Amino acid sequence: MQTDVVLAESAGGIMTPLDDRHTMLDVMERLRWPVILVAGSYLGAISHTLSALEVLKNAPNSRGGAGYQ
């Protein structure tokens, strides 16, 4: 089966550690896939979303968008 679109969900947030040197951001950078950041509606969501957007904005290969859940 061939497809033009792949959707993958990460485990945790962008800065979730995978080991002592790597985070989910490293995986996203390595794959070079566009990122869709989904924000929740819980207490602290605005702060978490803005922090994640700042990290993505400063990532060298980042491209994508944000959505609201």
Protein backbone atom coordinates (compact mmCIF):
# COMPACT_ATOMS: atom_id res chain seq x y z
CA MET A 1 0.00 0.00 0.00
CA GLN A 2 1.31 3.45 -0.92
CA THR A 3 0.29 6.68 0.72
CA ASP A 4 1.22 10.34 0.53
CA VAL A 5 0.37 11.06 4.17
CA VAL A 6 1.64 9.54 7.41
CA LEU A 7 0.26 10.60 10.79
CA ALA A 8 2.28 9.64 13.85
CA GLU A 9 1.55 10.49 17.46
CA SER A 10 4.44 11.08 19.81
CA ALA A 11 4.69 9.80 23.36
CA GLY A 12 4.45 12.84 25.59
CA GLY A 13 5.47 16.35 24.64
CA ILE A 14 8.19 17.74 22.42
CA MET A 15 10.77 17.79 25.19
CA THR A 16 9.92 14.34 26.58
CA PRO A 17 13.23 12.55 27.18
CA LEU A 18 13.86 9.26 25.40
CA ASP A 19 17.19 8.65 27.11
CA ASP A 20 19.87 10.76 28.78
CA ARG A 21 20.68 12.62 25.51
CA HIS A 22 17.61 12.56 23.24
CA THR A 23 14.07 13.97 23.29
CA MET A 24 11.01 13.62 21.06
CA LEU A 25 12.23 16.78 19.30
CA ASP A 26 15.31 14.84 18.18
CA VAL A 27 13.05 12.21 16.61
CA MET A 28 11.02 14.91 14.83
CA GLU A 29 14.20 16.57 13.58
CA ARG A 30 15.59 13.25 12.36
CA LEU A 31 12.41 12.31 10.48
CA ARG A 32 12.03 15.84 9.06
CA TRP A 33 8.25 15.46 9.05
CA PRO A 34 5.97 18.47 9.48
CA VAL A 35 4.64 18.79 13.03
CA ILE A 36 1.04 19.35 14.03
CA LEU A 37 0.95 20.56 17.61
CA VAL A 38 -2.38 19.81 19.30
CA ALA A 39 -3.23 21.82 22.41
CA GLY A 40 -5.61 20.79 25.15
CA SER A 41 -8.07 22.78 27.24
CA TYR A 42 -6.75 21.95 30.71
CA LEU A 43 -5.26 24.26 33.32
CA GLY A 44 -1.78 25.21 32.09
CA ALA A 45 -2.45 24.35 28.44
CA ILE A 46 -1.71 27.87 27.19
CA SER A 47 1.68 27.89 28.90
CA HIS A 48 2.54 24.38 27.66
CA THR A 49 1.47 25.25 24.11
CA LEU A 50 3.44 28.50 24.00
CA SER A 51 6.52 26.72 25.36
CA ALA A 52 6.20 23.96 22.75
CA LEU A 53 5.71 26.51 19.95
CA GLU A 54 8.84 28.37 21.07
CA VAL A 55 10.87 25.15 21.01
CA LEU A 56 9.55 24.28 17.54
CA LYS A 57 10.16 27.82 16.27
CA ASN A 58 13.83 27.55 17.26
CA ALA A 59 14.32 24.02 15.91
CA PRO A 60 16.43 24.11 12.73
CA ASN A 61 14.24 21.82 10.58
CA SER A 62 10.83 22.52 12.10
CA ARG A 63 7.79 23.15 9.95
CA GLY A 64 4.14 22.65 10.69
CA GLY A 65 1.21 24.15 12.53
CA ALA A 66 -0.85 24.09 15.69
CA GLY A 67 -4.41 23.08 16.47
CA TYR A 68 -6.79 23.18 19.40
CA GLN A 69 -8.39 20.11 20.92
